[in-house]
Amino acid sequence: MVSNTMDDLGELIEQLQALRNNAYMLYCPAVDEVLSGEVADINDITSVLDGLCDFCDEDRFLELYRKVCKHIYHKYPELVGEYVHLYRAIWMTNDDED
């Protein structure tokens, strides 16, 4: 029984990683569109940032998140501030703040 549970857990972890890989493959072009200026509408940008924030426990997603924030900072500084606070509220622990 323990072996089946461990096998099931291993399969779930593999499936979760596959989903994360798919999400990354989808968000990379979306980020590129923001950086190139193809996507400039604030609602579209916030949609990209909202989605990325869900995965920011992984460095590769955090890097994309940072790129978008840096790119839009001069145009939308308040929005970037909100997303920095959102990231901190979701992903930073008290140990990270020290």
PDB file of N, CA and C in Angstrom:
ATOM      1  N   MET A   1       0.826  -1.196   0.000  1.00  0.00           N
ATOM      2  CA  MET A   1       0.000   0.000   0.000  1.00  0.00           C
ATOM      3  C   MET A   1       0.866   1.255   0.000  1.00  0.00           C
ATOM      4  N   VAL A   2       1.923   1.276   0.809  1.00  0.00           N
ATOM      5  CA  VAL A   2       2.800   2.440   0.845  1.00  0.00           C
ATOM      6  C   VAL A   2       3.463   2.638  -0.511  1.00  0.00           C
ATOM      7  N   SER A   3       3.844   1.537  -1.158  1.00  0.00           N
ATOM      8  CA  SER A   3       4.493   1.636  -2.459  1.00  0.00           C
ATOM      9  C   SER A   3       3.571   2.287  -3.483  1.00  0.00           C
ATOM     10  N   ASN A   4       2.287   1.884  -3.488  1.00  0.00           N
ATOM     11  CA  ASN A   4       1.327   2.484  -4.411  1.00  0.00           C
ATOM     12  C   ASN A   4       1.157   3.967  -4.130  1.00  0.00           C
ATOM     13  N   THR A   5       1.117   4.325  -2.863  1.00  0.00           N
ATOM     14  CA  THR A   5       0.965   5.731  -2.490  1.00  0.00           C
ATOM     15  C   THR A   5       2.169   6.529  -2.962  1.00  0.00           C
ATOM     16  N   MET A   6       3.346   5.999  -2.773  1.00  0.00           N
ATOM     17  CA  MET A   6       4.555   6.688  -3.217  1.00  0.00           C
ATOM     18  C   MET A   6       4.594   6.785  -4.744  1.00  0.00           C
ATOM     19  N   ASP A   7       4.178   5.718  -5.419  1.00  0.00           N
ATOM     20  CA  ASP A   7       4.126   5.751  -6.874  1.00  0.00           C
ATOM     21  C   ASP A   7       3.132   6.801  -7.351  1.00  0.00           C
ATOM     22  N   ASP A   8       1.973   6.838  -6.700  1.00  0.00           N
ATOM     23  CA  ASP A   8       0.951   7.827  -7.053  1.00  0.00           C
ATOM     24  C   ASP A   8       1.464   9.240  -6.824  1.00  0.00           C
ATOM     25  N   LEU A   9       2.152   9.437  -5.722  1.00  0.00           N
ATOM     26  CA  LEU A   9       2.713  10.749  -5.418  1.00  0.00           C
ATOM     27  C   LEU A   9       3.751  11.148  -6.463  1.00  0.00           C
ATOM     28  N   GLY A  10       4.575  10.216  -6.849  1.00  0.00           N
ATOM     29  CA  GLY A  10       5.580  10.480  -7.882  1.00  0.00           C
ATOM     30  C   GLY A  10       4.937  10.868  -9.199  1.00  0.00           C
ATOM     31  N   GLU A  11       3.860  10.180  -9.557  1.00  0.00           N
ATOM     32  CA  GLU A  11       3.151  10.508 -10.797  1.00  0.00           C
ATOM     33  C   GLU A  11       2.527  11.895 -10.720  1.00  0.00           C
ATOM     34  N   LEU A  12       1.963  12.236  -9.579  1.00  0.00           N
ATOM     35  CA  LEU A  12       1.372  13.565  -9.405  1.00  0.00           C
ATOM     36  C   LEU A  12       2.428  14.662  -9.526  1.00  0.00           C
ATOM     37  N   ILE A  13       3.589  14.420  -8.946  1.00  0.00           N
ATOM     38  CA  ILE A  13       4.679  15.392  -9.034  1.00  0.00           C
ATOM     39  C   ILE A  13       5.116  15.568 -10.483  1.00  0.00           C
ATOM     40  N   GLU A  14       5.212  14.478 -11.221  1.00  0.00           N
ATOM     41  CA  GLU A  14       5.586  14.554 -12.634  1.00  0.00           C
ATOM     42  C   GLU A  14       4.535  15.323 -13.437  1.00  0.00           C
ATOM     43  N   GLN A  15       3.262  15.078 -13.150  1.00  0.00           N
ATOM     44  CA  GLN A  15       2.185  15.776 -13.845  1.00  0.00           C
ATOM     45  C   GLN A  15       2.199  17.266 -13.520  1.00  0.00           C
ATOM     46  N   LEU A  16       2.447  17.594 -12.275  1.00  0.00           N
ATOM     47  CA  LEU A  16       2.521  18.996 -11.871  1.00  0.00           C
ATOM     48  C   LEU A  16       3.677  19.694 -12.576  1.00  0.00           C
ATOM     49  N   GLN A  17       4.803  19.029 -12.659  1.00  0.00           N
ATOM     50  CA  GLN A  17       5.952  19.626 -13.351  1.00  0.00           C
ATOM     51  C   GLN A  17       5.660  19.796 -14.836  1.00  0.00           C
ATOM     52  N   ALA A  18       4.954  18.851 -15.423  1.00  0.00           N
ATOM     53  CA  ALA A  18       4.581  18.973 -16.843  1.00  0.00           C
ATOM     54  C   ALA A  18       3.648  20.165 -17.045  1.00  0.00           C
ATOM     55  N   LEU A  19       2.719  20.371 -16.134  1.00  0.00           N
ATOM     56  CA  LEU A  19       1.824  21.528 -16.213  1.00  0.00           C
ATOM     57  C   LEU A  19       2.596  22.829 -16.081  1.00  0.00           C
ATOM     58  N   ARG A  20       3.549  22.861 -15.174  1.00  0.00           N
ATOM     59  CA  ARG A  20       4.383  24.053 -15.004  1.00  0.00           C
ATOM     60  C   ARG A  20       5.209  24.317 -16.256  1.00  0.00           C
ATOM     61  N   ASN A  21       5.739  23.271 -16.854  1.00  0.00           N
ATOM     62  CA  ASN A  21       6.512  23.432 -18.088  1.00  0.00           C
ATOM     63  C   ASN A  21       5.627  23.978 -19.210  1.00  0.00           C
ATOM     64  N   ASN A  22       4.407  23.478 -19.298  1.00  0.00           N
ATOM     65  CA  ASN A  22       3.471  23.989 -20.305  1.00  0.00           C
ATOM     66  C   ASN A  22       3.143  25.454 -20.042  1.00  0.00           C
ATOM     67  N   ALA A  23       2.915  25.799 -18.787  1.00  0.00           N
ATOM     68  CA  ALA A  23       2.625  27.195 -18.439  1.00  0.00           C
ATOM     69  C   ALA A  23       3.799  28.083 -18.831  1.00  0.00           C
ATOM     70  N   TYR A  24       4.994  27.633 -18.565  1.00  0.00           N
ATOM     71  CA  TYR A  24       6.178  28.424 -18.914  1.00  0.00           C
ATOM     72  C   TYR A  24       6.257  28.633 -20.435  1.00  0.00           C
ATOM     73  N   MET A  25       5.979  27.584 -21.181  1.00  0.00           N
ATOM     74  CA  MET A  25       6.018  27.683 -22.641  1.00  0.00           C
ATOM     75  C   MET A  25       4.952  28.652 -23.156  1.00  0.00           C
ATOM     76  N   LEU A  26       3.851  28.778 -22.447  1.00  0.00           N
ATOM     77  CA  LEU A  26       2.797  29.714 -22.842  1.00  0.00           C
ATOM     78  C   LEU A  26       3.109  31.147 -22.422  1.00  0.00           C
ATOM     79  N   TYR A  27       3.728  31.305 -21.250  1.00  0.00           N
ATOM     80  CA  TYR A  27       4.010  32.650 -20.751  1.00  0.00           C
ATOM     81  C   TYR A  27       5.220  33.297 -21.415  1.00  0.00           C
ATOM     82  N   CYS A  28       6.173  32.528 -21.875  1.00  0.00           N
ATOM     83  CA  CYS A  28       7.346  33.120 -22.541  1.00  0.00           C
ATOM     84  C   CYS A  28       6.946  33.985 -23.735  1.00  0.00           C
ATOM     85  N   PRO A  29       6.110  33.498 -24.645  1.00  0.00           N
ATOM     86  CA  PRO A  29       5.706  34.363 -25.760  1.00  0.00           C
ATOM     87  C   PRO A  29       4.871  35.559 -25.302  1.00  0.00           C
ATOM     88  N   ALA A  30       4.049  35.374 -24.275  1.00  0.00           N
ATOM     89  CA  ALA A  30       3.246  36.490 -23.760  1.00  0.00           C
ATOM     90  C   ALA A  30       4.155  37.583 -23.206  1.00  0.00           C
ATOM     91  N   VAL A  31       5.194  37.186 -22.490  1.00  0.00           N
ATOM     92  CA  VAL A  31       6.149  38.154 -21.960  1.00  0.00           C
ATOM     93  C   VAL A  31       6.894  38.832 -23.111  1.00  0.00           C
ATOM     94  N   ASP A  32       7.295  38.060 -24.091  1.00  0.00           N
ATOM     95  CA  ASP A  32       7.978  38.642 -25.253  1.00  0.00           C
ATOM     96  C   ASP A  32       7.103  39.688 -25.945  1.00  0.00           C
ATOM     97  N   GLU A  33       5.803  39.438 -26.012  1.00  0.00           N
ATOM     98  CA  GLU A  33       4.886  40.393 -26.634  1.00  0.00           C
ATOM     99  C   GLU A  33       4.795  41.685 -25.823  1.00  0.00           C
ATOM    100  N   VAL A  34       4.831  41.569 -24.506  1.00  0.00           N
ATOM    101  CA  VAL A  34       4.833  42.770 -23.660  1.00  0.00           C
ATOM    102  C   VAL A  34       6.137  43.536 -23.867  1.00  0.00           C
ATOM    103  N   LEU A  35       7.254  42.819 -23.846  1.00  0.00           N
ATOM    104  CA  LEU A  35       8.557  43.468 -23.978  1.00  0.00           C
ATOM    105  C   LEU A  35       8.760  44.113 -25.345  1.00  0.00           C
ATOM    106  N   SER A  36       8.175  43.531 -26.367  1.00  0.00           N
ATOM    107  CA  SER A  36       8.321  44.081 -27.714  1.00  0.00           C
ATOM    108  C   SER A  36       7.340  45.219 -27.990  1.00  0.00           C
ATOM    109  N   GLY A  37       6.369  45.387 -27.107  1.00  0.00           N
ATOM    110  CA  GLY A  37       5.376  46.434 -27.298  1.00  0.00           C
ATOM    111  C   GLY A  37       4.135  45.988 -28.047  1.00  0.00           C
ATOM    112  N   GLU A  38       4.126  44.720 -28.492  1.00  0.00           N
ATOM    113  CA  GLU A  38       2.932  44.199 -29.158  1.00  0.00           C
ATOM    114  C   GLU A  38       1.725  44.237 -28.232  1.00  0.00           C
ATOM    115  N   VAL A  39       1.971  43.960 -26.974  1.00  0.00           N
ATOM    116  CA  VAL A  39       0.927  44.023 -25.953  1.00  0.00           C
ATOM    117  C   VAL A  39       1.251  45.204 -25.068  1.00  0.00           C
ATOM    118  N   ALA A  40       0.397  46.218 -25.112  1.00  0.00           N
ATOM    119  CA  ALA A  40       0.633  47.425 -24.319  1.00  0.00           C
ATOM    120  C   ALA A  40      -0.584  47.798 -23.477  1.00  0.00           C
ATOM    121  N   ASP A  41      -1.701  47.130 -23.706  1.00  0.00           N
ATOM    122  CA  ASP A  41      -2.910  47.416 -22.945  1.00  0.00           C
ATOM    123  C   ASP A  41      -2.727  46.977 -21.498  1.00  0.00           C
ATOM    124  N   ILE A  42      -3.058  47.846 -20.579  1.00  0.00           N
ATOM    125  CA  ILE A  42      -2.831  47.563 -19.160  1.00  0.00           C
ATOM    126  C   ILE A  42      -3.587  46.323 -18.704  1.00  0.00           C
ATOM    127  N   ASN A  43      -4.766  46.082 -19.245  1.00  0.00           N
ATOM    128  CA  ASN A  43      -5.530  44.894 -18.852  1.00  0.00           C
ATOM    129  C   ASN A  43      -4.836  43.609 -19.305  1.00  0.00           C
ATOM    130  N   ASP A  44      -4.260  43.631 -20.486  1.00  0.00           N
ATOM    131  CA  ASP A  44      -3.526  42.465 -20.979  1.00  0.00           C
ATOM    132  C   ASP A  44      -2.250  42.240 -20.172  1.00  0.00           C
ATOM    133  N   ILE A  45      -1.586  43.329 -19.824  1.00  0.00           N
ATOM    134  CA  ILE A  45      -0.362  43.228 -19.025  1.00  0.00           C
ATOM    135  C   ILE A  45      -0.677  42.686 -17.637  1.00  0.00           C
ATOM    136  N   THR A  46      -1.732  43.177 -17.020  1.00  0.00           N
ATOM    137  CA  THR A  46      -2.085  42.675 -15.683  1.00  0.00           C
ATOM    138  C   THR A  46      -2.487  41.205 -15.749  1.00  0.00           C
ATOM    139  N   SER A  47      -3.090  40.797 -16.841  1.00  0.00           N
ATOM    140  CA  SER A  47      -3.436  39.383 -17.003  1.00  0.00           C
ATOM    141  C   SER A  47      -2.175  38.514 -17.033  1.00  0.00           C
ATOM    142  N   VAL A  48      -1.164  38.981 -17.750  1.00  0.00           N
ATOM    143  CA  VAL A  48       0.111  38.248 -17.804  1.00  0.00           C
ATOM    144  C   VAL A  48       0.750  38.209 -16.412  1.00  0.00           C
ATOM    145  N   LEU A  49       0.790  39.343 -15.740  1.00  0.00           N
ATOM    146  CA  LEU A  49       1.400  39.389 -14.400  1.00  0.00           C
ATOM    147  C   LEU A  49       0.633  38.536 -13.395  1.00  0.00           C
ATOM    148  N   ASP A  50      -0.689  38.559 -13.474  1.00  0.00           N
ATOM    149  CA  ASP A  50      -1.486  37.724 -12.569  1.00  0.00           C
ATOM    150  C   ASP A  50      -1.143  36.250 -12.748  1.00  0.00           C
ATOM    151  N   GLY A  51      -1.077  35.830 -14.009  1.00  0.00           N
ATOM    152  CA  GLY A  51      -0.757  34.437 -14.274  1.00  0.00           C
ATOM    153  C   GLY A  51       0.643  34.063 -13.843  1.00  0.00           C
ATOM    154  N   LEU A  52       1.597  34.924 -14.130  1.00  0.00           N
ATOM    155  CA  LEU A  52       2.981  34.644 -13.735  1.00  0.00           C
ATOM    156  C   LEU A  52       3.127  34.555 -12.225  1.00  0.00           C
ATOM    157  N   CYS A  53       2.424  35.425 -11.521  1.00  0.00           N
ATOM    158  CA  CYS A  53       2.555  35.448 -10.061  1.00  0.00           C
ATOM    159  C   CYS A  53       2.167  34.109  -9.432  1.00  0.00           C
ATOM    160  N   ASP A  54       1.243  33.408 -10.076  1.00  0.00           N
ATOM    161  CA  ASP A  54       0.837  32.097  -9.564  1.00  0.00           C
ATOM    162  C   ASP A  54       1.989  31.104  -9.520  1.00  0.00           C
ATOM    163  N   PHE A  55       3.000  31.342 -10.336  1.00  0.00           N
ATOM    164  CA  PHE A  55       4.115  30.399 -10.450  1.00  0.00           C
ATOM    165  C   PHE A  55       5.438  30.952  -9.927  1.00  0.00           C
ATOM    166  N   CYS A  56       5.412  32.084  -9.270  1.00  0.00           N
ATOM    167  CA  CYS A  56       6.655  32.759  -8.878  1.00  0.00           C
ATOM    168  C   CYS A  56       7.417  32.082  -7.752  1.00  0.00           C
ATOM    169  N   ASP A  57       7.006  30.895  -7.375  1.00  0.00           N
ATOM    170  CA  ASP A  57       7.816  30.121  -6.446  1.00  0.00           C
ATOM    171  C   ASP A  57       8.948  29.425  -7.198  1.00  0.00           C
ATOM    172  N   GLU A  58       8.961  29.599  -8.512  1.00  0.00           N
ATOM    173  CA  GLU A  58      10.001  29.029  -9.358  1.00  0.00           C
ATOM    174  C   GLU A  58      10.782  30.159 -10.017  1.00  0.00           C
ATOM    175  N   ASP A  59      12.085  30.078  -9.972  1.00  0.00           N
ATOM    176  CA  ASP A  59      12.943  31.156 -10.463  1.00  0.00           C
ATOM    177  C   ASP A  59      12.676  31.549 -11.911  1.00  0.00           C
ATOM    178  N   ARG A  60      12.395  30.599 -12.753  1.00  0.00           N
ATOM    179  CA  ARG A  60      12.199  30.927 -14.167  1.00  0.00           C
ATOM    180  C   ARG A  60      10.963  31.805 -14.377  1.00  0.00           C
ATOM    181  N   PHE A  61       9.917  31.573 -13.587  1.00  0.00           N
ATOM    182  CA  PHE A  61       8.730  32.422 -13.671  1.00  0.00           C
ATOM    183  C   PHE A  61       8.989  33.774 -13.019  1.00  0.00           C
ATOM    184  N   LEU A  62       9.716  33.763 -11.925  1.00  0.00           N
ATOM    185  CA  LEU A  62      10.045  35.012 -11.242  1.00  0.00           C
ATOM    186  C   LEU A  62      10.862  35.921 -12.157  1.00  0.00           C
ATOM    187  N   GLU A  63      11.754  35.340 -12.941  1.00  0.00           N
ATOM    188  CA  GLU A  63      12.549  36.127 -13.891  1.00  0.00           C
ATOM    189  C   GLU A  63      11.649  36.786 -14.939  1.00  0.00           C
ATOM    190  N   LEU A  64      10.668  36.054 -15.446  1.00  0.00           N
ATOM    191  CA  LEU A  64       9.723  36.638 -16.402  1.00  0.00           C
ATOM    192  C   LEU A  64       8.919  37.764 -15.756  1.00  0.00           C
ATOM    193  N   TYR A  65       8.488  37.540 -14.533  1.00  0.00           N
ATOM    194  CA  TYR A  65       7.715  38.524 -13.767  1.00  0.00           C
ATOM    195  C   TYR A  65       8.514  39.815 -13.604  1.00  0.00           C
ATOM    196  N   ARG A  66       9.767  39.651 -13.246  1.00  0.00           N
ATOM    197  CA  ARG A  66      10.650  40.814 -13.074  1.00  0.00           C
ATOM    198  C   ARG A  66      10.871  41.557 -14.388  1.00  0.00           C
ATOM    199  N   LYS A  67      11.045  40.823 -15.470  1.00  0.00           N
ATOM    200  CA  LYS A  67      11.250  41.461 -16.771  1.00  0.00           C
ATOM    201  C   LYS A  67      10.065  42.343 -17.143  1.00  0.00           C
ATOM    202  N   VAL A  68       8.864  41.818 -16.943  1.00  0.00           N
ATOM    203  CA  VAL A  68       7.669  42.602 -17.264  1.00  0.00           C
ATOM    204  C   VAL A  68       7.592  43.832 -16.366  1.00  0.00           C
ATOM    205  N   CYS A  69       7.805  43.639 -15.067  1.00  0.00           N
ATOM    206  CA  CYS A  69       7.739  44.771 -14.138  1.00  0.00           C
ATOM    207  C   CYS A  69       8.757  45.854 -14.492  1.00  0.00           C
ATOM    208  N   LYS A  70       9.970  45.451 -14.796  1.00  0.00           N
ATOM    209  CA  LYS A  70      10.996  46.434 -15.173  1.00  0.00           C
ATOM    210  C   LYS A  70      10.632  47.153 -16.461  1.00  0.00           C
ATOM    211  N   HIS A  71      10.073  46.411 -17.399  1.00  0.00           N
ATOM    212  CA  HIS A  71       9.729  46.991 -18.695  1.00  0.00           C
ATOM    213  C   HIS A  71       8.608  48.030 -18.585  1.00  0.00           C
ATOM    214  N   ILE A  72       7.638  47.785 -17.729  1.00  0.00           N
ATOM    215  CA  ILE A  72       6.482  48.687 -17.657  1.00  0.00           C
ATOM    216  C   ILE A  72       6.608  49.730 -16.554  1.00  0.00           C
ATOM    217  N   TYR A  73       7.688  49.690 -15.796  1.00  0.00           N
ATOM    218  CA  TYR A  73       7.802  50.545 -14.615  1.00  0.00           C
ATOM    219  C   TYR A  73       7.609  52.032 -14.933  1.00  0.00           C
ATOM    220  N   HIS A  74       8.246  52.532 -15.947  1.00  0.00           N
ATOM    221  CA  HIS A  74       8.172  53.974 -16.235  1.00  0.00           C
ATOM    222  C   HIS A  74       6.773  54.407 -16.669  1.00  0.00           C
ATOM    223  N   LYS A  75       6.048  53.510 -17.300  1.00  0.00           N
ATOM    224  CA  LYS A  75       4.705  53.836 -17.752  1.00  0.00           C
ATOM    225  C   LYS A  75       3.658  53.600 -16.654  1.00  0.00           C
ATOM    226  N   TYR A  76       3.858  52.532 -15.846  1.00  0.00           N
ATOM    227  CA  TYR A  76       2.886  52.156 -14.821  1.00  0.00           C
ATOM    228  C   TYR A  76       3.563  51.896 -13.474  1.00  0.00           C
ATOM    229  N   PRO A  77       4.187  52.906 -12.876  1.00  0.00           N
ATOM    230  CA  PRO A  77       4.915  52.657 -11.617  1.00  0.00           C
ATOM    231  C   PRO A  77       4.013  52.180 -10.477  1.00  0.00           C
ATOM    232  N   GLU A  78       2.810  52.689 -10.396  1.00  0.00           N
ATOM    233  CA  GLU A  78       1.903  52.258  -9.322  1.00  0.00           C
ATOM    234  C   GLU A  78       1.508  50.795  -9.498  1.00  0.00           C
ATOM    235  N   LEU A  79       1.277  50.401 -10.731  1.00  0.00           N
ATOM    236  CA  LEU A  79       0.925  49.014 -11.013  1.00  0.00           C
ATOM    237  C   LEU A  79       2.063  48.085 -10.616  1.00  0.00           C
ATOM    238  N   VAL A  80       3.268  48.466 -10.960  1.00  0.00           N
ATOM    239  CA  VAL A  80       4.434  47.648 -10.594  1.00  0.00           C
ATOM    240  C   VAL A  80       4.528  47.555  -9.070  1.00  0.00           C
ATOM    241  N   GLY A  81       4.315  48.655  -8.380  1.00  0.00           N
ATOM    242  CA  GLY A  81       4.328  48.628  -6.917  1.00  0.00           C
ATOM    243  C   GLY A  81       3.302  47.656  -6.365  1.00  0.00           C
ATOM    244  N   GLU A  82       2.125  47.653  -6.960  1.00  0.00           N
ATOM    245  CA  GLU A  82       1.078  46.723  -6.520  1.00  0.00           C
ATOM    246  C   GLU A  82       1.510  45.273  -6.728  1.00  0.00           C
ATOM    247  N   TYR A  83       2.151  45.012  -7.852  1.00  0.00           N
ATOM    248  CA  TYR A  83       2.576  43.638  -8.128  1.00  0.00           C
ATOM    249  C   TYR A  83       3.784  43.219  -7.295  1.00  0.00           C
ATOM    250  N   VAL A  84       4.616  44.153  -6.920  1.00  0.00           N
ATOM    251  CA  VAL A  84       5.704  43.835  -5.986  1.00  0.00           C
ATOM    252  C   VAL A  84       5.106  43.459  -4.630  1.00  0.00           C
ATOM    253  N   HIS A  85       4.128  44.225  -4.193  1.00  0.00           N
ATOM    254  CA  HIS A  85       3.466  43.920  -2.911  1.00  0.00           C
ATOM    255  C   HIS A  85       2.723  42.581  -2.981  1.00  0.00           C
ATOM    256  N   LEU A  86       2.077  42.318  -4.110  1.00  0.00           N
ATOM    257  CA  LEU A  86       1.380  41.047  -4.288  1.00  0.00           C
ATOM    258  C   LEU A  86       2.353  39.886  -4.205  1.00  0.00           C
ATOM    259  N   TYR A  87       3.472  40.006  -4.909  1.00  0.00           N
ATOM    260  CA  TYR A  87       4.490  38.945  -4.862  1.00  0.00           C
ATOM    261  C   TYR A  87       4.948  38.706  -3.426  1.00  0.00           C
ATOM    262  N   ARG A  88       5.246  39.768  -2.735  1.00  0.00           N
ATOM    263  CA  ARG A  88       5.726  39.636  -1.354  1.00  0.00           C
ATOM    264  C   ARG A  88       4.667  39.005  -0.457  1.00  0.00           C
ATOM    265  N   ALA A  89       3.419  39.395  -0.636  1.00  0.00           N
ATOM    266  CA  ALA A  89       2.335  38.859   0.195  1.00  0.00           C
ATOM    267  C   ALA A  89       2.147  37.358  -0.037  1.00  0.00           C
ATOM    268  N   ILE A  90       2.327  36.944  -1.266  1.00  0.00           N
ATOM    269  CA  ILE A  90       2.097  35.528  -1.586  1.00  0.00           C
ATOM    270  C   ILE A  90       3.319  34.668  -1.316  1.00  0.00           C
ATOM    271  N   TRP A  91       4.485  35.115  -1.709  1.00  0.00           N
ATOM    272  CA  TRP A  91       5.647  34.228  -1.755  1.00  0.00           C
ATOM    273  C   TRP A  91       6.726  34.474  -0.710  1.00  0.00           C
ATOM    274  N   MET A  92       6.758  35.633  -0.093  1.00  0.00           N
ATOM    275  CA  MET A  92       7.838  35.884   0.864  1.00  0.00           C
ATOM    276  C   MET A  92       7.408  35.506   2.275  1.00  0.00           C
ATOM    277  N   THR A  93       8.288  34.819   2.949  1.00  0.00           N
ATOM    278  CA  THR A  93       8.048  34.475   4.337  1.00  0.00           C
ATOM    279  C   THR A  93       8.755  35.523   5.212  1.00  0.00           C
ATOM    280  N   ASN A  94       8.509  35.460   6.494  1.00  0.00           N
ATOM    281  CA  ASN A  94       9.186  36.373   7.415  1.00  0.00           C
ATOM    282  C   ASN A  94      10.701  36.201   7.351  1.00  0.00           C
ATOM    283  N   ASP A  95      11.172  34.986   7.131  1.00  0.00           N
ATOM    284  CA  ASP A  95      12.620  34.747   7.017  1.00  0.00           C
ATOM    285  C   ASP A  95      13.209  35.459   5.811  1.00  0.00           C
ATOM    286  N   ASP A  96      12.430  35.555   4.710  1.00  0.00           N
ATOM    287  CA  ASP A  96      12.908  36.212   3.498  1.00  0.00           C
ATOM    288  C   ASP A  96      13.101  37.709   3.696  1.00  0.00           C
ATOM    289  N   GLU A  97      12.348  38.299   4.593  1.00  0.00           N
ATOM    290  CA  GLU A  97      12.383  39.746   4.812  1.00  0.00           C
ATOM    291  C   GLU A  97      13.561  40.185   5.650  1.00  0.00           C
ATOM    292  N   ASP A  98      14.190  39.279   6.336  1.00  0.00           N
ATOM    293  CA  ASP A  98      15.340  39.637   7.206  1.00  0.00           C
ATOM    294  C   ASP A  98      16.585  39.884   6.419  1.00  0.00           C
TER     295      ASP A  98
END
